[in-house]
Protein backbone atom coordinates (compact mmCIF):
# COMPACT_ATOMS: atom_id res chain seq x y z
CA MET A 1 -8.02 -31.52 -40.90
CA LEU A 2 -8.16 -33.80 -37.89
CA SER A 3 -4.90 -32.41 -36.53
CA ILE A 4 -6.15 -28.84 -37.03
CA GLY A 5 -9.37 -29.67 -35.16
CA LEU A 6 -7.43 -31.17 -32.29
CA GLU A 7 -5.23 -28.08 -32.02
CA VAL A 8 -8.26 -25.77 -32.02
CA GLY A 9 -10.00 -27.85 -29.36
CA ARG A 10 -6.82 -27.97 -27.33
CA ALA A 11 -6.54 -24.17 -27.47
CA ARG A 12 -10.04 -23.81 -26.00
CA LEU A 13 -9.30 -25.95 -22.97
CA PRO A 14 -8.47 -24.25 -19.66
CA PRO A 15 -4.78 -24.24 -18.74
CA LEU A 16 -5.09 -26.80 -15.97
CA LEU A 17 -6.37 -29.45 -18.47
CA LEU A 18 -3.53 -29.06 -21.00
CA HIS A 19 -1.32 -31.63 -19.27
CA ASP A 20 -0.85 -34.85 -21.20
CA ASP A 21 -0.45 -36.78 -17.96
CA PRO A 22 -3.60 -36.54 -15.75
CA THR A 23 -1.52 -37.08 -12.64
CA GLU A 24 0.21 -33.76 -13.27
CA MET A 25 -3.00 -31.74 -13.37
CA THR A 26 -3.35 -29.31 -10.48
CA THR A 27 -6.05 -26.85 -9.66
CA LEU A 28 -4.89 -23.27 -10.01
CA SER A 29 -5.50 -21.17 -6.92
CA PRO A 30 -5.84 -17.40 -7.01
CA PRO A 31 -2.69 -15.50 -6.04
CA ALA A 32 -2.45 -14.72 -2.37
CA LYS A 33 -3.31 -11.14 -1.51
CA GLN A 34 -0.30 -9.26 -0.23
CA VAL A 35 -0.92 -8.00 3.28
CA ARG A 36 0.43 -4.55 4.02
CA ALA A 37 2.92 -4.63 6.87
CA GLU A 38 2.28 -2.38 9.85
CA PRO A 39 4.70 0.58 9.96
CA ARG A 40 7.21 0.35 12.77
CA TRP A 41 8.30 3.99 12.92
CA PRO A 42 5.52 5.16 15.35
CA ALA A 43 6.66 2.63 17.97
CA LEU A 44 10.30 3.55 17.32
CA MET A 45 9.56 7.25 17.76
CA GLY A 46 7.72 6.49 20.99
CA LEU A 47 10.75 4.76 22.48
CA VAL A 48 13.09 7.53 21.38
CA ALA A 49 10.73 10.06 22.97
CA VAL A 50 11.04 8.18 26.27
CA GLY A 51 14.81 8.66 26.09
CA PHE A 52 14.46 12.41 25.58
CA LEU A 53 11.83 12.68 28.33
CA ASN A 54 14.32 11.07 30.70
CA LEU A 55 16.58 14.08 30.18
CA ALA A 56 13.96 16.19 31.99
CA ILE A 57 14.24 14.05 35.13
CA PRO A 58 16.84 15.20 37.69
CA GLU A 59 19.87 12.92 37.79
CA ARG A 60 19.28 12.27 41.51
CA LEU A 61 16.17 10.36 40.48
CA THR A 62 17.56 8.38 37.55
CA LEU A 63 19.47 5.12 37.36
CA GLY A 64 22.80 6.65 36.41
CA PRO A 65 23.10 9.85 34.34
CA ASN A 66 19.80 11.00 32.89
CA TRP A 67 21.23 10.67 29.36
CA LEU A 68 22.16 7.01 29.89
CA ILE A 69 18.74 5.60 29.00
CA LEU A 70 18.77 7.49 25.69
CA VAL A 71 22.11 5.90 24.82
CA VAL A 72 20.87 2.44 25.85
CA ILE A 73 17.74 2.85 23.72
CA ALA A 74 19.83 3.91 20.72
CA LEU A 75 22.22 0.96 21.16
CA LEU A 76 19.40 -1.57 21.45
CA LEU A 77 17.43 -0.11 18.57
CA VAL A 78 20.27 -0.76 16.13
CA PRO A 79 20.16 -4.60 16.37
CA THR A 80 16.37 -4.49 16.74
CA ILE A 81 15.94 -2.66 13.43
CA ALA A 82 18.60 -4.83 11.76
CA SER A 83 16.91 -8.06 12.87
CA HIS A 84 13.58 -6.79 11.57
CA ARG A 85 15.05 -6.00 8.15
CA GLN A 86 16.74 -9.41 8.01
CA ARG A 87 13.48 -11.13 9.01
CA GLN A 88 15.00 -12.67 12.14
CA LEU A 89 11.67 -12.54 13.89
CA ARG A 90 12.53 -14.38 17.10
CA LEU A 91 15.63 -12.26 17.69
CA ASN A 92 13.66 -9.12 16.95
CA PHE A 93 10.97 -10.13 19.44
CA VAL A 94 13.53 -10.88 22.18
CA LEU A 95 15.36 -7.58 21.62
CA GLY A 96 12.05 -5.71 21.78
CA ILE A 97 11.19 -7.35 25.10
CA VAL A 98 14.65 -6.51 26.49
CA LEU A 99 14.33 -2.91 25.36
CA SER A 100 10.87 -2.46 26.91
CA SER A 101 12.00 -4.17 30.11
CA VAL A 102 15.03 -1.91 30.54
CA ILE A 103 12.92 1.21 30.08
CA THR A 104 10.26 -0.06 32.49
CA ILE A 105 12.88 -0.79 35.18
CA THR A 106 14.35 2.71 34.91
CA LEU A 107 10.84 4.19 35.04
CA VAL A 108 9.96 2.36 38.27
CA TRP A 109 13.38 3.22 39.75
CA SER A 110 12.84 6.95 39.15
CA LEU A 111 9.35 6.80 40.63
CA LEU A 112 10.58 5.09 43.80
CA PHE A 113 13.34 7.65 44.26
CA LEU A 114 10.84 10.42 43.69
CA ILE A 115 8.56 9.02 46.40
CA ALA A 116 11.47 8.49 48.82
CA GLY A 117 12.54 12.12 48.49
CA ILE A 118 9.14 13.66 49.27
CA PRO A 119 9.30 13.55 53.10
CA GLU A 120 12.64 15.36 53.10
CA LYS A 121 11.61 17.67 50.24
CA ARG A 122 14.84 16.99 48.39
CA GLU A 123 13.57 18.27 45.05
CA PRO A 124 12.68 21.91 44.37
CA PRO A 125 9.05 22.35 43.30
CA LEU A 126 9.89 23.12 39.67
CA GLU A 127 12.17 20.10 39.31
CA LEU A 128 9.61 17.91 41.03
CA LEU A 129 6.90 19.04 38.63
CA ARG A 130 9.13 18.58 35.60
CA GLY A 131 10.29 15.12 36.69
CA ALA A 132 6.80 13.89 37.55
CA ALA A 133 5.41 15.11 34.23
CA ALA A 134 8.22 13.35 32.35
CA LEU A 135 7.57 10.13 34.28
CA TRP A 136 3.84 10.31 33.59
CA ALA A 137 4.35 10.80 29.84
CA SER A 138 7.03 8.09 29.71
CA ASN A 139 4.66 5.71 31.48
CA ILE A 140 2.13 6.08 28.66
CA LEU A 141 4.70 5.53 25.90
CA VAL A 142 6.38 2.56 27.59
CA PHE A 143 3.17 0.62 28.18
CA ALA A 144 1.81 1.50 24.75
CA SER A 145 4.95 -0.22 23.46
CA TRP A 146 4.25 -3.27 25.66
CA TYR A 147 0.67 -3.60 24.42
CA TRP A 148 1.70 -3.10 20.79
CA ARG A 149 4.50 -5.65 21.08
CA LEU A 150 2.53 -8.43 22.81
CA ASP A 151 -1.07 -8.19 21.61
CA ALA A 152 -2.23 -10.98 19.23
CA GLY A 153 1.28 -12.40 18.94
CA GLY A 154 2.99 -9.11 18.22
CA PRO A 155 3.32 -7.01 15.05
CA HIS A 156 4.99 -9.78 13.03
CA VAL A 157 2.10 -12.18 13.60
CA ARG A 158 -0.46 -9.44 12.93
CA ASP A 159 1.27 -8.66 9.62
CA LEU A 160 0.45 -12.18 8.40
CA GLN A 161 -3.29 -11.67 8.87
CA ASN A 162 -5.71 -9.92 6.53
CA THR A 163 -7.62 -8.59 9.52
CA HIS A 164 -7.11 -8.38 13.26
CA ILE A 165 -7.30 -11.69 15.09
CA PRO A 166 -8.64 -11.95 18.66
CA GLY A 167 -5.98 -11.01 21.16
CA ALA A 168 -5.66 -9.39 24.57
CA PHE A 169 -7.93 -6.44 23.77
CA LEU A 170 -11.41 -6.17 22.29
CA PHE A 171 -11.29 -3.05 20.14
CA PRO A 172 -14.62 -1.47 19.11
CA GLN A 173 -13.81 -1.99 15.42
CA MET A 174 -13.81 -5.75 16.01
CA LEU A 175 -17.51 -5.61 16.90
CA LEU A 176 -18.69 -3.52 13.95
CA PRO A 177 -20.36 -5.16 10.93
CA LYS A 178 -18.17 -5.06 7.83
CA HIS A 179 -20.51 -2.70 5.98
CA MET A 180 -20.09 -0.10 8.75
CA MET A 181 -16.30 -0.14 8.71
CA ARG A 182 -14.31 2.28 6.61
CA ARG A 183 -11.63 -0.39 6.19
CA PRO A 184 -12.95 -3.98 6.21
CA ALA A 185 -9.44 -5.37 6.86
CA TRP A 186 -8.93 -3.30 10.01
CA LYS A 187 -5.96 -3.94 12.29
CA PRO A 188 -4.77 -1.88 15.28
CA GLY A 189 -1.62 0.17 15.02
CA PHE A 190 0.64 1.80 17.56
CA VAL A 191 -1.67 4.82 17.87
CA ASP A 192 -4.52 2.52 18.98
CA TYR A 193 -2.33 1.09 21.75
CA LEU A 194 -1.14 4.59 22.63
CA PHE A 195 -4.75 5.68 23.10
CA LEU A 196 -5.36 2.60 25.24
CA ALA A 197 -2.34 3.41 27.43
CA PHE A 198 -3.39 7.06 27.68
CA ASN A 199 -6.81 6.04 29.01
CA ALA A 200 -5.20 3.71 31.53
CA SER A 201 -3.05 6.58 32.86
CA THR A 202 -5.81 9.20 32.97
CA ALA A 203 -9.07 7.37 33.64
CA PHE A 204 -7.35 4.30 35.22
CA SER A 205 -9.42 2.13 32.89
CA PRO A 206 -9.20 0.93 29.27
CA ALA A 207 -12.29 3.04 28.41
CA ASP A 208 -13.89 1.61 25.25
CA THR A 209 -11.54 -1.38 24.89
CA PRO A 210 -12.12 -4.31 27.27
CA VAL A 211 -9.05 -6.23 28.44
CA LEU A 212 -9.35 -9.99 27.92
CA SER A 213 -5.93 -11.47 28.70
CA ARG A 214 -4.44 -11.94 32.17
CA TRP A 215 -1.01 -10.61 31.17
CA ALA A 216 -2.63 -7.48 29.77
CA LYS A 217 -4.62 -6.97 32.97
CA LEU A 218 -1.45 -7.25 35.05
CA LEU A 219 0.42 -4.81 32.83
CA MET A 220 -2.44 -2.34 32.98
CA MET A 221 -2.51 -2.61 36.77
CA VAL A 222 1.21 -1.78 36.91
CA GLN A 223 0.73 1.15 34.55
CA SER A 224 -2.19 2.52 36.57
CA CYS A 225 -0.20 2.22 39.81
CA ILE A 226 2.70 4.17 38.32
CA SER A 227 0.36 6.87 37.03
CA LEU A 228 -1.52 7.05 40.32
CA GLY A 229 1.75 7.26 42.27
CA THR A 230 2.99 10.11 40.10
CA ILE A 231 -0.24 12.08 40.53
CA ALA A 232 -0.30 11.38 44.27
CA ILE A 233 3.24 12.75 44.58
CA LEU A 234 2.25 16.02 42.97
CA ALA A 235 -0.95 16.29 45.04
CA ALA A 236 0.86 15.56 48.32
CA ARG A 237 3.55 18.15 47.62
CA ALA A 238 0.97 20.69 46.49
CA ILE A 239 -1.12 20.51 49.65
CA GLY A 240 1.95 20.22 51.90
CA ALA A 241 0.94 16.87 53.34
CA PHE A 242 4.57 15.99 54.00
């Protein structure tokens, strides 16, 4: 009877007290909630779109053939995607920086050549309009990729958090009380950074999202200068100032 009573009492004890040795008792913690990783395909599609937009720019204004940047993007995306799948985070981050830097250099190169050709009116009006529009759209996509890649440690660091941590930008959702948010664990995605870059190229300001970090302010200044230069080129040619 005594042994039966001990077994019954032992069955009623919580699992963490069933160890015979008290030194082996550990407090059970609830399982960690799995955080949903941010999808990468919107950023990937944005970079591929930059390559196709470069095809609309006359070859006289591009760094090499206008299809070269599309090939470079494709070649760099292969190891970038592979490193992401293999969880080589540092390599993935470096490859992403290299990819964005190459695209930014070609963008600035095309803009400078476009400006240099205005006094001599090298480009026909239709080609000028097409090239300037492609540069303006590429500018938005390239800097959206920069903001997405660098804000709050980058997408890999943001994936480890249940909600968005303070970074370079103060999004409106970060100021809302939890009961007013549709998703309490809100985090920005590529579309949020695309909207931010679009505002910087149209209104020359971040609109509803204040910029907090110095590197982000510098990048936004560069983006606004490229956008302003592209618009000024079209305006100057339209009014015949040169």
